[in-house]
Amino acid sequence: MIRYLLPNSLWELSATPRARRFHKALLQPKEAQEALLHRILRRNQGTEFGREHGFVRIGSPEAYRDRVPIREYEAFLPWIGRIRKGRPEVLTADPVLRFVPTGGSAGGRKLIPWTASLGRDFHRALAPWIVDLFRSRPELKGGPAYWSVSPAVGETTEDEASAVPIGFDGDSRYAGRLAGALVRQVLAVPESVAGAPDAETALRLTVVSLLRCRELRLISVWHPSFLLLLLERMEAEWDHLVEAVGERGSSRGRERARELGRAGPEDPGRIWPHLGLLSCWTDAGAASALPALRARFPGIPIQGKGLLATEAFSSLPYRGRRPLAIRSHVFEFLDLQGQAHLAHQVREEETYTLVVTTSGGLYRYLTHDQVQVTGKLGDTPTLRFVGRGDRTADLRGEKLTDAFVEEVLRQLRAEDPEVRFALLAPSGGEGEEPKGGGGGASTGYTLFLEAPSAMGPALSRRLDALLSHNPQYRYARAMGQLRAPAVFLIQEGGARTYLTAVAETGRRLGGIKPAALDLRRDWHRRFQGRFLEDG
């Protein structure tokens, strides 16, 4: 226990000053945000971007808004291209240490500049999360933790015609140099797993490492379905995995293998008797996996994660809420009319799209993350992720967004708690012949559903009614442009199939954001199951 208690306690101690400053900033979000904006503009006024946009003459958030337009990632490509050629002080005065690859919602790769200042931004959000976690649950300090590490499939760390390295050399680097060194001492799964040649190898190495770790205290993943995927792998290959645990060559390894043999794969509580907390996404599309997770880990509390992406650390778990990471980046909130609001100006229960300014050189960057303000902690808004604004299906002018579809699926899950997985996707027009659906139109939507109690005709009509709250969808249905939605009943493994398919595009398996809507049309060939005759 001392082996883990010391580094965890030192991690908490090193994070405490930042946690105190964060707690103080919660009471003064306006002042905290203005000070952060001033610091970023002053530091980077001599860069190419800063000179072009007159940073030296910007003295207020309003002036910043007037001089710097909101941009999507593609608009930053000319500056990023110059950085890749080795030119200094393009977006930031700080040198770009590396580009961190991340996926876009529409596919394709984004290269996010990573600087020392951006690293400190992330530390300012991670520190209060960790301090709050250890102080509210001190027993977690007594053992190792599993912080999700997934293979960098499709990422390149070679030169790739770039003067700046591409890739990230370990998730613990988000914690900073000192804390990162401490974190690596308490990892249940070593970061080297991220260097596995493929996802299959990484999954096996991960499960073997977890099985070896009897003292496991915390499991932290992104999508809860990823943890269910690990459990499925553990059960399917139990005998071989237990044998691998015993091959460590030590008496401890052989004893652990005998203990696992007695426990069996069905009860995680016997495998990890000291497990005290699960941390994962609980919002948006992740919610459908939570009942299965609770069933597999009865009595283990689940902590909902904040909103974290490669580009920005937007919210964090703290005091049982998820406040804005007020000291990390400058945030703006776009309302439905496109009007920008600052953190102290947002209204409870309203939904906004996040715009961020970071020390990594993203200025007024449109994240497309849509959040709902759930309340305030101090005077700082607390947030719930509701979907992606750039994931929009528009077959006949209906413009269904991921956030809207998530609300539809949330209502369906509330009516049927046995739903384990749900995904809406466009269908028709590429050789697909869904059963039912009627109406003469050749295209529409299919609900891919894993739920034993699903009823075809009733569910299709209910789904159609909920989607019709979108007036453009309702009009397209009335005009016969869209057929009634079909229902595809997934036999098993819906979440696993979805995660694996998305990971094939080069996304990190453990960090795939939950989605309610996907624009690909081949899901009927990927999922195991059948169309309901009258769906």
Protein backbone atom coordinates (compact mmCIF):
# COMPACT_ATOMS: atom_id res chain seq x y z
CA MET A 1 0.00 0.00 0.00
CA ILE A 2 2.89 2.40 0.81
CA ARG A 3 4.19 1.81 -2.71
CA TYR A 4 1.15 3.67 -4.06
CA LEU A 5 0.20 5.88 -1.12
CA LEU A 6 3.40 7.92 -1.30
CA PRO A 7 3.32 8.91 -5.01
CA ASN A 8 -0.44 9.51 -4.93
CA SER A 9 -0.08 11.71 -1.84
CA LEU A 10 2.78 13.63 -3.45
CA TRP A 11 0.65 14.08 -6.58
CA GLU A 12 -2.15 15.51 -4.45
CA LEU A 13 0.28 17.78 -2.60
CA SER A 14 1.84 19.12 -5.80
CA ALA A 15 -1.62 19.84 -7.26
CA THR A 16 -3.00 21.62 -4.18
CA PRO A 17 -1.83 25.19 -4.98
CA ARG A 18 -3.50 25.08 -8.41
CA ALA A 19 -6.63 23.58 -6.86
CA ARG A 20 -6.85 26.46 -4.39
CA ARG A 21 -6.50 29.04 -7.17
CA PHE A 22 -9.17 27.26 -9.18
CA HIS A 23 -11.56 27.27 -6.22
CA LYS A 24 -11.01 31.01 -5.76
CA ALA A 25 -11.55 31.67 -9.48
CA LEU A 26 -14.94 29.93 -9.35
CA LEU A 27 -16.19 32.96 -7.41
CA GLN A 28 -14.87 35.46 -9.98
CA PRO A 29 -15.24 33.98 -13.48
CA LYS A 30 -15.33 37.38 -15.23
CA GLU A 31 -12.06 38.52 -13.67
CA ALA A 32 -10.39 35.14 -14.16
CA GLN A 33 -11.29 34.99 -17.84
CA GLU A 34 -10.29 38.58 -18.59
CA ALA A 35 -6.91 38.09 -16.88
CA LEU A 36 -6.31 34.92 -18.88
CA LEU A 37 -7.23 36.62 -22.17
CA HIS A 38 -4.92 39.54 -21.38
CA ARG A 39 -2.05 37.17 -20.63
CA ILE A 40 -2.50 35.19 -23.86
CA LEU A 41 -2.75 38.32 -26.04
CA ARG A 42 0.21 40.05 -24.40
CA ARG A 43 2.45 36.99 -24.69
CA ASN A 44 1.61 36.39 -28.35
CA GLN A 45 1.30 39.93 -29.71
CA GLY A 46 4.57 39.61 -31.62
CA THR A 47 3.59 36.43 -33.48
CA GLU A 48 2.47 36.42 -37.09
CA PHE A 49 -1.11 35.85 -36.02
CA GLY A 50 -0.88 38.47 -33.28
CA ARG A 51 0.48 41.16 -35.61
CA GLU A 52 -2.08 40.36 -38.30
CA HIS A 53 -4.94 40.73 -35.81
CA GLY A 54 -3.58 43.67 -33.84
CA PHE A 55 -3.23 41.96 -30.47
CA VAL A 56 -1.28 44.95 -29.16
CA ARG A 57 -4.37 47.16 -29.57
CA ILE A 58 -6.87 44.77 -27.95
CA GLY A 59 -7.84 45.85 -24.44
CA SER A 60 -11.11 44.04 -23.79
CA PRO A 61 -13.07 40.88 -24.64
CA GLU A 62 -15.31 43.01 -26.87
CA ALA A 63 -12.33 44.34 -28.86
CA TYR A 64 -10.96 40.81 -29.15
CA ARG A 65 -14.29 39.64 -30.54
CA ASP A 66 -14.28 42.49 -33.09
CA ARG A 67 -10.73 41.88 -34.34
CA VAL A 68 -10.56 38.07 -34.36
CA PRO A 69 -13.25 36.09 -36.19
CA ILE A 70 -14.43 32.67 -35.05
CA ARG A 71 -12.62 29.97 -37.01
CA GLU A 72 -12.88 26.26 -37.58
CA TYR A 73 -9.79 24.07 -37.75
CA GLU A 74 -9.41 24.32 -41.52
CA ALA A 75 -8.96 28.09 -41.31
CA PHE A 76 -5.83 27.57 -39.16
CA LEU A 77 -4.17 25.31 -41.74
CA PRO A 78 -2.05 28.04 -43.40
CA TRP A 79 -0.46 28.93 -40.05
CA ILE A 80 -0.08 25.27 -39.07
CA GLY A 81 1.57 24.60 -42.43
CA ARG A 82 4.20 27.27 -41.73
CA ILE A 83 4.86 25.80 -38.29
CA ARG A 84 5.38 22.36 -39.87
CA LYS A 85 8.04 23.94 -42.11
CA GLY A 86 9.92 25.11 -39.01
CA ARG A 87 8.95 28.78 -38.89
CA PRO A 88 8.91 30.12 -35.28
CA GLU A 89 6.43 32.50 -33.65
CA VAL A 90 3.61 31.85 -36.08
CA LEU A 91 0.68 31.28 -33.72
CA THR A 92 2.49 31.36 -30.38
CA ALA A 93 5.60 32.88 -28.88
CA ASP A 94 6.19 29.53 -27.20
CA PRO A 95 7.84 26.95 -29.47
CA VAL A 96 5.48 24.24 -30.70
CA LEU A 97 6.88 21.11 -29.09
CA ARG A 98 4.82 18.71 -31.16
CA PHE A 99 1.58 18.29 -33.04
CA VAL A 100 -0.97 16.05 -31.33
CA PRO A 101 -3.16 14.22 -33.87
CA THR A 102 -6.87 13.99 -33.24
CA GLY A 103 -9.82 12.98 -35.37
CA GLY A 104 -12.58 15.22 -36.66
CA SER A 105 -16.24 14.31 -36.49
CA ALA A 106 -16.41 14.07 -40.27
CA GLY A 107 -13.27 11.94 -40.43
CA GLY A 108 -9.86 13.23 -41.36
CA ARG A 109 -7.04 14.20 -39.04
CA LYS A 110 -6.38 17.42 -37.21
CA LEU A 111 -2.92 18.35 -35.93
CA ILE A 112 -3.17 20.39 -32.74
CA PRO A 113 -0.11 22.47 -31.76
CA TRP A 114 1.14 21.55 -28.28
CA THR A 115 3.19 24.09 -26.33
CA ALA A 116 4.49 24.26 -22.78
CA SER A 117 1.90 26.95 -22.04
CA LEU A 118 -0.92 24.72 -23.28
CA GLY A 119 0.41 21.98 -21.03
CA ARG A 120 0.13 24.33 -18.06
CA ASP A 121 -3.45 25.14 -19.12
CA PHE A 122 -4.31 21.46 -18.88
CA HIS A 123 -2.57 21.16 -15.49
CA ARG A 124 -4.78 23.96 -14.12
CA ALA A 125 -7.85 21.83 -14.80
CA LEU A 126 -6.43 18.43 -13.90
CA ALA A 127 -5.10 19.60 -10.51
CA PRO A 128 -8.43 20.50 -8.84
CA TRP A 129 -10.00 17.33 -10.22
CA ILE A 130 -7.30 15.14 -8.65
CA VAL A 131 -7.23 17.01 -5.34
CA ASP A 132 -11.02 16.82 -5.03
CA LEU A 133 -10.94 13.13 -5.97
CA PHE A 134 -8.34 12.16 -3.38
CA ARG A 135 -9.82 14.30 -0.61
CA SER A 136 -13.35 13.00 -1.13
CA ARG A 137 -12.14 9.38 -1.53
CA PRO A 138 -8.79 9.05 0.28
CA GLU A 139 -8.87 5.26 -0.04
CA LEU A 140 -8.11 5.66 -3.74
CA LYS A 141 -4.58 6.76 -2.85
CA GLY A 142 -3.79 3.32 -1.45
CA GLY A 143 -3.51 1.54 -4.78
CA PRO A 144 -2.91 1.86 -8.50
CA ALA A 145 -5.30 3.31 -11.07
CA TYR A 146 -6.12 2.46 -14.64
CA TRP A 147 -6.08 5.62 -16.73
CA SER A 148 -7.24 4.62 -20.19
CA VAL A 149 -4.36 4.23 -22.61
CA SER A 150 -5.22 3.17 -26.14
CA PRO A 151 -3.01 2.48 -29.16
CA ALA A 152 -2.16 5.39 -31.40
CA VAL A 153 -3.42 3.49 -34.44
CA GLY A 154 -2.97 5.58 -37.55
CA GLU A 155 -0.87 8.23 -35.77
CA THR A 156 2.61 9.00 -37.04
CA THR A 157 5.58 9.96 -34.95
CA GLU A 158 8.06 9.96 -37.82
CA ASP A 159 9.19 13.13 -39.59
CA GLU A 160 6.29 13.09 -42.11
CA ALA A 161 7.72 16.20 -43.83
CA SER A 162 7.35 18.16 -40.60
CA ALA A 163 10.02 20.04 -38.71
CA VAL A 164 7.90 19.55 -35.58
CA PRO A 165 7.33 16.01 -34.26
CA ILE A 166 3.85 14.55 -34.75
CA GLY A 167 2.37 12.39 -32.00
CA PHE A 168 2.13 12.37 -28.22
CA ASP A 169 4.46 10.33 -26.06
CA GLY A 170 2.14 9.32 -23.24
CA ASP A 171 -1.09 10.40 -21.61
CA SER A 172 0.65 11.12 -18.30
CA ARG A 173 2.28 14.14 -19.98
CA TYR A 174 -1.07 15.90 -19.57
CA ALA A 175 -0.29 15.91 -15.85
CA GLY A 176 2.98 17.82 -16.30
CA ARG A 177 6.59 16.81 -15.73
CA LEU A 178 6.55 16.32 -11.94
CA ALA A 179 3.01 14.96 -11.63
CA GLY A 180 3.55 12.84 -14.73
CA ALA A 181 6.52 11.13 -13.13
CA LEU A 182 4.39 10.39 -10.07
CA VAL A 183 1.46 9.17 -12.16
CA ARG A 184 3.64 6.69 -14.01
CA GLN A 185 4.51 5.05 -10.66
CA VAL A 186 0.85 4.21 -9.96
CA LEU A 187 -0.39 3.14 -13.38
CA ALA A 188 -2.01 -0.28 -13.46
CA VAL A 189 -1.45 -0.42 -17.22
CA PRO A 190 1.89 0.97 -18.43
CA GLU A 191 1.93 3.70 -21.04
CA SER A 192 3.98 1.46 -23.30
CA VAL A 193 0.71 -0.23 -24.24
CA ALA A 194 -0.01 2.82 -26.39
CA GLY A 195 2.85 1.73 -28.63
CA ALA A 196 1.24 -1.60 -29.45
CA PRO A 197 1.16 -2.30 -33.19
CA ASP A 198 -2.61 -2.70 -33.33
CA ALA A 199 -5.75 -2.43 -31.22
CA GLU A 200 -6.05 -6.19 -30.69
CA THR A 201 -2.58 -6.42 -29.14
CA ALA A 202 -3.23 -3.34 -27.01
CA LEU A 203 -6.50 -4.76 -25.68
CA ARG A 204 -4.84 -8.02 -24.68
CA LEU A 205 -1.92 -6.27 -22.97
CA THR A 206 -4.35 -4.01 -21.16
CA VAL A 207 -6.48 -6.87 -19.84
CA VAL A 208 -3.44 -8.89 -18.71
CA SER A 209 -2.07 -5.86 -16.86
CA LEU A 210 -5.41 -5.24 -15.16
CA LEU A 211 -5.76 -8.87 -14.10
CA ARG A 212 -2.30 -8.76 -12.52
CA CYS A 213 -3.33 -5.74 -10.47
CA ARG A 214 -5.23 -7.05 -7.42
CA GLU A 215 -4.92 -3.71 -5.58
CA LEU A 216 -6.66 -1.71 -8.33
CA ARG A 217 -8.53 1.28 -6.83
CA LEU A 218 -9.69 3.40 -9.76
CA ILE A 219 -10.72 2.74 -13.35
CA SER A 220 -10.81 5.84 -15.54
CA VAL A 221 -11.91 5.43 -19.16
CA TRP A 222 -13.65 7.74 -21.61
CA HIS A 223 -16.58 5.94 -23.16
CA PRO A 224 -18.10 3.39 -20.71
CA SER A 225 -18.49 0.93 -23.58
CA PHE A 226 -14.70 0.73 -23.75
CA LEU A 227 -14.64 -0.78 -20.25
CA LEU A 228 -17.42 -3.20 -21.22
CA LEU A 229 -15.31 -4.14 -24.23
CA LEU A 230 -12.38 -4.96 -21.93
CA LEU A 231 -14.64 -7.15 -19.78
CA GLU A 232 -15.91 -8.99 -22.85
CA ARG A 233 -12.35 -9.67 -23.94
CA MET A 234 -11.48 -10.85 -20.43
CA GLU A 235 -14.35 -13.34 -20.37
CA ALA A 236 -13.80 -14.63 -23.91
CA GLU A 237 -10.11 -15.42 -23.33
CA TRP A 238 -10.11 -16.05 -19.59
CA ASP A 239 -8.01 -19.21 -19.44
CA HIS A 240 -5.31 -17.85 -21.75
CA LEU A 241 -5.21 -14.52 -19.92
CA VAL A 242 -4.89 -16.17 -16.50
CA GLU A 243 -2.08 -18.30 -17.89
CA ALA A 244 -0.34 -15.13 -19.11
CA VAL A 245 -0.63 -13.63 -15.61
CA GLY A 246 1.10 -16.69 -14.16
CA GLU A 247 3.93 -16.50 -16.67
CA ARG A 248 5.56 -13.57 -14.88
CA GLY A 249 8.05 -16.06 -13.46
CA SER A 250 7.55 -14.96 -9.85
CA SER A 251 5.72 -16.66 -7.03
CA ARG A 252 3.50 -13.57 -6.78
CA GLY A 253 2.42 -13.98 -10.41
CA ARG A 254 1.65 -17.66 -9.95
CA GLU A 255 -0.31 -16.96 -6.77
CA ARG A 256 -2.31 -14.24 -8.54
CA ALA A 257 -3.13 -16.67 -11.36
CA ARG A 258 -4.39 -19.25 -8.85
CA GLU A 259 -6.51 -16.56 -7.16
CA LEU A 260 -8.01 -15.53 -10.50
CA GLY A 261 -8.72 -19.16 -11.33
CA ARG A 262 -10.78 -19.44 -8.15
CA ALA A 263 -12.57 -16.12 -8.77
CA GLY A 264 -13.62 -16.67 -12.38
CA PRO A 265 -14.34 -13.94 -14.95
CA GLU A 266 -17.96 -13.13 -14.09
CA ASP A 267 -17.52 -11.05 -10.93
CA PRO A 268 -15.23 -7.99 -11.17
CA GLY A 269 -15.70 -7.50 -7.42
CA ARG A 270 -13.74 -10.70 -6.75
CA ILE A 271 -11.10 -9.87 -9.34
CA TRP A 272 -10.53 -6.35 -7.92
CA PRO A 273 -11.76 -6.41 -4.31
CA HIS A 274 -10.48 -2.88 -3.53
CA LEU A 275 -11.96 -1.13 -6.56
CA GLY A 276 -13.55 2.10 -5.31
CA LEU A 277 -14.55 4.25 -8.30
CA LEU A 278 -15.32 4.18 -12.02
CA SER A 279 -14.77 7.39 -13.97
CA CYS A 280 -16.20 7.76 -17.47
CA TRP A 281 -18.38 9.87 -19.72
CA THR A 282 -22.02 9.77 -18.62
CA ASP A 283 -23.54 12.34 -20.99
CA ALA A 284 -24.98 12.15 -24.51
CA GLY A 285 -24.49 8.82 -26.29
CA ALA A 286 -22.47 7.37 -23.40
CA ALA A 287 -25.59 7.20 -21.23
CA SER A 288 -26.94 4.10 -22.99
CA ALA A 289 -23.99 2.02 -21.75
CA LEU A 290 -24.35 3.00 -18.09
CA PRO A 291 -27.02 0.42 -17.07
CA ALA A 292 -24.81 -2.42 -18.31
CA LEU A 293 -21.82 -0.91 -16.50
CA ARG A 294 -23.74 -0.64 -13.24
CA ALA A 295 -24.91 -4.22 -13.60
CA ARG A 296 -21.33 -5.45 -13.97
CA PHE A 297 -20.01 -3.30 -11.09
CA PRO A 298 -22.83 -3.24 -8.52
CA GLY A 299 -22.19 -0.86 -5.65
CA ILE A 300 -19.22 0.86 -7.31
CA PRO A 301 -19.85 4.61 -7.73
CA ILE A 302 -19.54 6.11 -11.21
CA GLN A 303 -18.08 9.60 -11.61
CA GLY A 304 -19.15 11.50 -14.71
CA LYS A 305 -16.15 12.98 -16.52
CA GLY A 306 -15.93 16.53 -17.70
CA LEU A 307 -15.49 17.63 -21.30
CA LEU A 308 -11.89 17.04 -22.37
CA ALA A 309 -10.50 17.03 -25.91
CA THR A 310 -7.04 17.34 -27.43
CA GLU A 311 -7.74 20.98 -28.23
CA ALA A 312 -9.05 22.06 -24.83
CA PHE A 313 -9.95 21.01 -21.29
CA SER A 314 -13.43 22.54 -21.00
CA SER A 315 -14.99 21.16 -17.81
CA LEU A 316 -13.97 18.88 -14.94
CA PRO A 317 -15.49 16.82 -12.13
CA TYR A 318 -15.35 18.90 -8.93
CA ARG A 319 -17.45 18.88 -5.75
CA GLY A 320 -20.00 16.60 -7.38
CA ARG A 321 -20.51 19.00 -10.29
CA ARG A 322 -18.77 19.70 -13.59
CA PRO A 323 -17.77 23.37 -13.67
CA LEU A 324 -16.12 25.18 -16.54
CA ALA A 325 -12.31 24.94 -16.47
CA ILE A 326 -12.25 28.65 -15.76
CA ARG A 327 -8.45 29.03 -15.39
CA SER A 328 -7.43 26.93 -18.40
CA HIS A 329 -8.72 28.65 -21.53
CA VAL A 330 -10.82 31.62 -22.57
CA PHE A 331 -14.35 30.44 -23.31
CA GLU A 332 -17.19 31.90 -25.30
CA PHE A 333 -20.66 30.45 -25.61
CA LEU A 334 -22.59 30.75 -28.87
CA ASP A 335 -26.35 30.69 -28.45
CA LEU A 336 -28.75 29.33 -31.04
CA GLN A 337 -28.76 32.69 -32.83
CA GLY A 338 -24.96 32.73 -33.06
CA GLN A 339 -24.53 35.44 -30.42
CA ALA A 340 -21.38 35.05 -28.30
CA HIS A 341 -21.60 35.20 -24.50
CA LEU A 342 -18.87 35.10 -21.86
CA ALA A 343 -18.83 32.65 -18.97
CA HIS A 344 -20.48 35.03 -16.49
CA GLN A 345 -23.24 35.87 -18.99
CA VAL A 346 -24.71 32.44 -19.74
CA ARG A 347 -28.15 31.37 -18.57
CA GLU A 348 -29.09 28.18 -16.77
CA GLU A 349 -30.76 25.44 -18.86
CA GLU A 350 -29.71 27.13 -22.11
CA THR A 351 -27.67 25.22 -24.71
CA TYR A 352 -24.55 26.76 -26.27
CA THR A 353 -21.72 25.87 -28.62
CA LEU A 354 -18.27 26.29 -27.10
CA VAL A 355 -15.64 28.58 -28.62
CA VAL A 356 -12.17 28.48 -27.03
CA THR A 357 -8.96 30.49 -27.06
CA THR A 358 -5.94 28.53 -25.84
CA SER A 359 -2.26 29.08 -25.18
CA GLY A 360 -1.58 26.56 -27.94
CA GLY A 361 -2.48 29.04 -30.67
CA LEU A 362 -6.16 28.33 -31.27
CA TYR A 363 -7.87 31.73 -31.18
CA ARG A 364 -11.68 31.80 -31.05
CA TYR A 365 -11.67 28.18 -32.18
CA LEU A 366 -15.11 26.70 -32.85
CA THR A 367 -15.14 23.35 -31.04
CA HIS A 368 -18.65 22.33 -32.17
CA ASP A 369 -19.16 20.87 -28.69
CA GLN A 370 -22.67 21.70 -27.54
CA VAL A 371 -23.23 22.05 -23.80
CA GLN A 372 -26.15 22.81 -21.55
CA VAL A 373 -25.66 25.04 -18.53
CA THR A 374 -26.90 22.98 -15.57
CA GLY A 375 -26.28 25.55 -12.83
CA LYS A 376 -23.41 27.37 -11.16
CA LEU A 377 -20.64 26.53 -8.73
CA GLY A 378 -19.73 29.80 -7.12
CA ASP A 379 -20.47 32.10 -10.04
CA THR A 380 -19.04 29.74 -12.66
CA PRO A 381 -21.34 27.72 -14.93
CA THR A 382 -21.54 23.95 -14.64
CA LEU A 383 -22.01 22.08 -17.88
CA ARG A 384 -23.45 18.96 -19.46
CA PHE A 385 -22.26 17.78 -22.87
CA VAL A 386 -25.25 17.29 -25.19
CA GLY A 387 -23.66 16.55 -28.56
CA ARG A 388 -21.67 17.75 -31.52
CA GLY A 389 -22.93 20.64 -33.61
CA ASP A 390 -20.94 19.66 -36.70
CA ARG A 391 -22.41 16.15 -36.91
CA THR A 392 -25.51 16.93 -38.95
CA ALA A 393 -27.53 14.69 -41.26
CA ASP A 394 -29.20 16.54 -44.10
CA LEU A 395 -30.74 14.11 -46.61
CA ARG A 396 -33.66 16.30 -47.65
CA GLY A 397 -33.05 19.61 -45.87
CA GLU A 398 -34.02 18.33 -42.42
CA LYS A 399 -30.65 19.08 -40.74
CA LEU A 400 -30.80 16.65 -37.83
CA THR A 401 -27.99 17.45 -35.37
CA ASP A 402 -26.23 15.08 -33.02
CA ALA A 403 -27.54 17.04 -30.02
CA PHE A 404 -31.14 16.85 -31.24
CA VAL A 405 -30.90 13.13 -31.99
CA GLU A 406 -29.34 12.52 -28.58
CA GLU A 407 -32.37 14.13 -26.93
CA VAL A 408 -34.64 11.87 -29.00
CA LEU A 409 -32.68 8.78 -27.97
CA ARG A 410 -32.64 9.96 -24.36
CA GLN A 411 -36.44 9.97 -24.37
CA LEU A 412 -36.51 6.49 -25.91
CA ARG A 413 -34.10 5.21 -23.24
CA ALA A 414 -36.28 6.72 -20.53
CA GLU A 415 -39.23 4.75 -21.89
CA ASP A 416 -37.25 1.51 -22.15
CA PRO A 417 -34.49 1.16 -19.53
CA GLU A 418 -33.26 -2.07 -21.18
CA VAL A 419 -31.74 -0.18 -24.11
CA ARG A 420 -28.03 -1.02 -24.20
CA PHE A 421 -27.00 0.77 -27.38
CA ALA A 422 -28.69 3.14 -29.83
CA LEU A 423 -27.43 4.91 -32.93
CA LEU A 424 -29.28 6.73 -35.70
CA ALA A 425 -27.81 6.78 -39.20
CA PRO A 426 -28.96 7.68 -42.72
CA SER A 427 -30.01 4.67 -44.80
CA GLY A 428 -31.11 3.77 -48.29
CA GLY A 429 -29.55 4.56 -51.62
CA GLU A 430 -26.50 2.29 -51.39
CA GLY A 431 -27.87 -1.18 -51.83
CA GLU A 432 -29.65 -1.25 -48.49
CA GLU A 433 -33.17 -2.64 -48.49
CA PRO A 434 -34.58 -2.04 -45.01
CA LYS A 435 -37.76 -3.87 -44.13
CA GLY A 436 -40.81 -1.73 -43.64
CA GLY A 437 -40.34 2.01 -43.66
CA GLY A 438 -43.04 2.60 -46.28
CA GLY A 439 -43.99 5.86 -47.89
CA GLY A 440 -42.38 5.35 -51.30
CA ALA A 441 -39.21 7.34 -50.52
CA SER A 442 -35.91 5.58 -51.17
CA THR A 443 -33.99 7.18 -48.31
CA GLY A 444 -34.49 7.87 -44.63
CA TYR A 445 -33.02 6.87 -41.29
CA THR A 446 -32.42 3.64 -39.44
CA LEU A 447 -32.27 3.24 -35.69
CA PHE A 448 -29.68 0.63 -34.75
CA LEU A 449 -30.82 -0.65 -31.39
CA GLU A 450 -29.63 -3.21 -28.88
CA ALA A 451 -32.58 -3.77 -26.55
CA PRO A 452 -34.36 -7.07 -25.91
CA SER A 453 -37.79 -5.49 -25.55
CA ALA A 454 -37.79 -3.46 -28.80
CA MET A 455 -41.13 -3.53 -30.65
CA GLY A 456 -40.97 -2.82 -34.36
CA PRO A 457 -44.08 -0.89 -35.44
CA ALA A 458 -44.59 0.90 -32.12
CA LEU A 459 -40.94 1.92 -31.86
CA SER A 460 -40.77 3.15 -35.46
CA ARG A 461 -43.87 5.31 -35.00
CA ARG A 462 -42.58 6.68 -31.70
CA LEU A 463 -39.19 7.49 -33.22
CA ASP A 464 -40.86 9.17 -36.20
CA ALA A 465 -42.98 11.31 -33.87
CA LEU A 466 -39.97 12.41 -31.82
CA LEU A 467 -37.89 13.24 -34.91
CA SER A 468 -40.85 15.24 -36.20
CA HIS A 469 -40.24 17.83 -33.49
CA ASN A 470 -37.73 19.07 -36.07
CA PRO A 471 -40.00 21.00 -38.48
CA GLN A 472 -37.79 20.36 -41.50
CA TYR A 473 -37.88 16.62 -40.84
CA ARG A 474 -41.66 16.80 -40.36
CA TYR A 475 -42.03 18.64 -43.67
CA ALA A 476 -39.82 16.16 -45.56
CA ARG A 477 -41.87 13.27 -44.18
CA ALA A 478 -45.16 14.96 -45.10
CA MET A 479 -43.92 15.59 -48.65
CA GLY A 480 -42.82 11.97 -49.05
CA GLN A 481 -39.14 12.87 -49.34
CA LEU A 482 -38.17 10.64 -46.41
CA ARG A 483 -39.54 7.22 -45.61
CA ALA A 484 -40.54 6.29 -42.08
CA PRO A 485 -37.54 5.28 -39.96
CA ALA A 486 -36.47 1.65 -40.01
CA VAL A 487 -35.34 -0.29 -36.96
CA PHE A 488 -32.38 -2.66 -36.99
CA LEU A 489 -32.28 -4.90 -33.94
CA ILE A 490 -28.68 -5.62 -32.94
CA GLN A 491 -28.16 -9.14 -31.65
CA GLU A 492 -25.21 -8.31 -29.39
CA GLY A 493 -22.07 -6.23 -29.06
CA GLY A 494 -23.44 -2.97 -30.47
CA ALA A 495 -21.10 -0.67 -28.56
CA ARG A 496 -18.10 -2.92 -29.25
CA THR A 497 -18.80 -2.93 -32.99
CA TYR A 498 -19.26 0.83 -33.03
CA LEU A 499 -16.03 1.55 -31.15
CA THR A 500 -14.04 -0.85 -33.31
CA ALA A 501 -15.40 0.64 -36.54
CA VAL A 502 -14.58 4.20 -35.49
CA ALA A 503 -11.11 3.15 -34.30
CA GLU A 504 -10.42 1.82 -37.82
CA THR A 505 -10.40 5.43 -39.02
CA GLY A 506 -7.36 6.14 -36.83
CA ARG A 507 -9.12 7.42 -33.72
CA ARG A 508 -7.80 6.39 -30.30
CA LEU A 509 -10.01 3.52 -29.14
CA GLY A 510 -10.27 4.71 -25.55
CA GLY A 511 -11.04 8.33 -26.40
CA ILE A 512 -13.86 8.10 -28.94
CA LYS A 513 -16.55 10.61 -28.03
CA PRO A 514 -20.09 9.29 -27.60
CA ALA A 515 -22.36 9.90 -30.58
CA ALA A 516 -26.07 9.57 -31.17
CA LEU A 517 -25.86 10.23 -34.90
CA ASP A 518 -23.41 8.81 -37.43
CA LEU A 519 -23.40 9.70 -41.12
CA ARG A 520 -22.05 6.42 -42.49
CA ARG A 521 -24.51 4.19 -44.34
CA ASP A 522 -22.88 0.77 -43.89
CA TRP A 523 -23.85 0.02 -40.30
CA HIS A 524 -26.37 -2.65 -41.40
CA ARG A 525 -23.38 -4.61 -42.72
CA ARG A 526 -21.31 -4.10 -39.56
CA PHE A 527 -23.78 -4.89 -36.79
CA GLN A 528 -24.95 -8.45 -36.22
CA GLY A 529 -28.74 -8.53 -36.29
CA ARG A 530 -31.72 -7.92 -38.53
CA PHE A 531 -34.18 -5.31 -39.69
CA LEU A 532 -37.52 -5.59 -37.96
CA GLU A 533 -40.11 -6.49 -40.55
CA ASP A 534 -42.37 -3.56 -39.76
CA GLY A 535 -39.68 -1.18 -38.50
